[in-house]
C-alpha atoms as a PDB file:
ATOM      1  CA  MET A   1      21.639 -62.292-115.108  1.00  0.00           C
ATOM      2  CA  GLU A   2      19.971 -59.605-113.001  1.00  0.00           C
ATOM      3  CA  VAL A   3      19.185 -62.091-110.210  1.00  0.00           C
ATOM      4  CA  SER A   4      22.777 -63.241-109.900  1.00  0.00           C
ATOM      5  CA  ARG A   5      23.960 -59.655-109.516  1.00  0.00           C
ATOM      6  CA  ILE A   6      21.397 -59.048-106.744  1.00  0.00           C
ATOM      7  CA  LEU A   7      22.565 -62.185-104.961  1.00  0.00           C
ATOM      8  CA  ILE A   8      26.207 -61.035-105.152  1.00  0.00           C
ATOM      9  CA  GLU A   9      25.290 -57.670-103.628  1.00  0.00           C
ATOM     10  CA  ILE A  10      23.271 -59.340-100.865  1.00  0.00           C
ATOM     11  CA  ASP A  11      26.232 -61.605-100.033  1.00  0.00           C
ATOM     12  CA  ALA A  12      28.521 -58.577 -99.862  1.00  0.00           C
ATOM     13  CA  GLN A  13      26.127 -56.821 -97.465  1.00  0.00           C
ATOM     14  CA  ILE A  14      25.863 -59.933 -95.310  1.00  0.00           C
ATOM     15  CA  SER A  15      29.630 -60.187 -94.976  1.00  0.00           C
ATOM     16  CA  LYS A  16      29.876 -56.492 -94.015  1.00  0.00           C
ATOM     17  CA  LEU A  17      27.152 -56.927 -91.399  1.00  0.00           C
ATOM     18  CA  GLN A  18      28.847 -60.023 -89.980  1.00  0.00           C
ATOM     19  CA  GLN A  19      32.123 -58.118 -89.627  1.00  0.00           C
ATOM     20  CA  ALA A  20      30.355 -55.232 -87.902  1.00  0.00           C
ATOM     21  CA  ARG A  21      28.596 -57.648 -85.552  1.00  0.00           C
ATOM     22  CA  ALA A  22      31.874 -59.354 -84.708  1.00  0.00           C
ATOM     23  CA  LEU A  23      33.454 -56.014 -83.851  1.00  0.00           C
ATOM     24  CA  LEU A  24      30.519 -54.965 -81.701  1.00  0.00           C
ATOM     25  CA  THR A  25      30.266 -58.221 -79.791  1.00  0.00           C
ATOM     26  CA  SER A  26      33.980 -58.435 -79.095  1.00  0.00           C
ATOM     27  CA  THR A  27      34.102 -54.941 -77.563  1.00  0.00           C
ATOM     28  CA  SER A  28      30.693 -54.850 -75.907  1.00  0.00           C
ATOM     29  CA  VAL A  29      31.129 -58.104 -74.000  1.00  0.00           C
ATOM     30  CA  THR A  30      34.192 -56.901 -72.145  1.00  0.00           C
ATOM     31  CA  ALA A  31      33.153 -53.267 -71.715  1.00  0.00           C
ATOM     32  CA  THR A  32      29.513 -53.487 -70.699  1.00  0.00           C
ATOM     33  CA  ALA A  33      28.854 -57.031 -69.563  1.00  0.00           C
ATOM     34  CA  PRO A  34      25.700 -57.158 -67.444  1.00  0.00           C
ATOM     35  CA  ALA A  35      26.225 -58.192 -63.841  1.00  0.00           C
ATOM     36  CA  LYS A  36      25.016 -61.671 -62.984  1.00  0.00           C
ATOM     37  CA  ARG A  37      21.930 -61.731 -60.861  1.00  0.00           C
ATOM     38  CA  GLY A  38      20.855 -64.371 -58.448  1.00  0.00           C
ATOM     39  CA  PRO A  39      17.383 -65.787 -58.070  1.00  0.00           C
ATOM     40  CA  GLY A  40      14.677 -63.912 -56.221  1.00  0.00           C
ATOM     41  CA  ARG A  41      13.745 -60.318 -55.646  1.00  0.00           C
ATOM     42  CA  PRO A  42      16.560 -57.766 -55.504  1.00  0.00           C
ATOM     43  CA  LYS A  43      17.547 -56.583 -52.035  1.00  0.00           C
ATOM     44  CA  GLY A  44      15.927 -53.401 -50.840  1.00  0.00           C
ATOM     45  CA  THR A  45      12.624 -53.815 -52.673  1.00  0.00           C
ATOM     46  CA  VAL A  46       9.502 -53.500 -50.594  1.00  0.00           C
ATOM     47  CA  THR A  47       6.193 -55.071 -51.456  1.00  0.00           C
ATOM     48  CA  VAL A  48       2.958 -53.421 -50.513  1.00  0.00           C
ATOM     49  CA  ALA A  49       0.072 -55.739 -49.767  1.00  0.00           C
ATOM     50  CA  ALA A  50      -3.063 -55.009 -51.744  1.00  0.00           C
ATOM     51  CA  PRO A  51      -6.028 -54.117 -49.563  1.00  0.00           C
ATOM     52  CA  THR A  52      -8.372 -57.079 -49.180  1.00  0.00           C
ATOM     53  CA  PRO A  53     -12.111 -56.543 -49.433  1.00  0.00           C
ATOM     54  CA  LYS A  54     -13.985 -57.039 -46.187  1.00  0.00           C
ATOM     55  CA  LYS A  55     -16.114 -59.866 -47.568  1.00  0.00           C
ATOM     56  CA  ALA A  56     -13.079 -61.791 -48.807  1.00  0.00           C
ATOM     57  CA  ALA A  57     -11.276 -61.302 -45.509  1.00  0.00           C
ATOM     58  CA  LYS A  58     -14.019 -63.081 -43.520  1.00  0.00           C
ATOM     59  CA  LYS A  59     -13.830 -66.844 -43.436  1.00  0.00           C
ATOM     60  CA  ALA A  60     -16.763 -68.471 -45.134  1.00  0.00           C
ATOM     61  CA  GLY A  61     -18.611 -70.752 -42.731  1.00  0.00           C
ATOM     62  CA  LYS A  62     -19.775 -74.265 -43.453  1.00  0.00           C
ATOM     63  CA  ARG A  63     -22.630 -74.292 -45.904  1.00  0.00           C
ATOM     64  CA  ASN A  64     -25.607 -76.369 -44.878  1.00  0.00           C
ATOM     65  CA  LEU A  65     -28.334 -77.733 -47.114  1.00  0.00           C
ATOM     66  CA  SER A  66     -31.861 -77.877 -45.933  1.00  0.00           C
ATOM     67  CA  PRO A  67     -33.413 -81.360 -45.845  1.00  0.00           C
ATOM     68  CA  ASP A  68     -35.728 -80.328 -48.678  1.00  0.00           C
ATOM     69  CA  ALA A  69     -32.800 -79.255 -50.893  1.00  0.00           C
ATOM     70  CA  ARG A  70     -30.912 -82.455 -50.060  1.00  0.00           C
ATOM     71  CA  LYS A  71     -33.954 -84.517 -51.135  1.00  0.00           C
ATOM     72  CA  ARG A  72     -34.278 -82.603 -54.432  1.00  0.00           C
ATOM     73  CA  ILE A  73     -30.614 -83.241 -55.227  1.00  0.00           C
ATOM     74  CA  ALA A  74     -30.929 -86.955 -54.357  1.00  0.00           C
ATOM     75  CA  ASP A  75     -34.029 -87.325 -56.531  1.00  0.00           C
ATOM     76  CA  ALA A  76     -32.353 -85.590 -59.463  1.00  0.00           C
ATOM     77  CA  GLN A  77     -29.318 -87.870 -59.173  1.00  0.00           C
ATOM     78  CA  LYS A  78     -31.550 -90.962 -59.054  1.00  0.00           C
ATOM     79  CA  ARG A  79     -33.257 -89.761 -62.248  1.00  0.00           C
ATOM     80  CA  ARG A  80     -29.826 -89.372 -63.900  1.00  0.00           C
ATOM     81  CA  TRP A  81     -28.822 -92.883 -62.879  1.00  0.00           C
ATOM     82  CA  ALA A  82     -32.121 -94.294 -64.173  1.00  0.00           C
ATOM     83  CA  GLU A  83     -31.631 -92.493 -67.491  1.00  0.00           C
ATOM     84  CA  ARG A  84     -28.085 -93.894 -67.724  1.00  0.00           C
ATOM     85  CA  ARG A  85     -29.307 -97.447 -67.036  1.00  0.00           C
ATOM     86  CA  LYS A  86     -31.994 -97.014 -69.675  1.00  0.00           C
ATOM     87  CA  GLN A  87     -29.418 -95.916 -72.269  1.00  0.00           C
ATOM     88  CA  LYS A  88     -27.134 -98.871 -71.500  1.00  0.00           C
ATOM     89  CA  ALA A  89     -30.017-101.339 -71.774  1.00  0.00           C
ATOM     90  CA  ALA A  90     -31.125-100.008 -75.172  1.00  0.00           C
END
């Protein structure tokens, strides 16, 4: 019995809130409708470029490997391939 009374009161509150919302939306839409905006930045805004660090501003040159480093990398890759072939064979 108590639960049904609570539900009736909740329904009454919901209907009052819906009426209040209807009143507010009907008057607020016509009185204070926000202006439509187009895409992009609003006119008159100025952007300030962030200062770039000196190291980042310089163009990085081509990186060269020494012949010794190139040989170490090639040997390591050959070991990987050999290990892969060994796993497939087993």
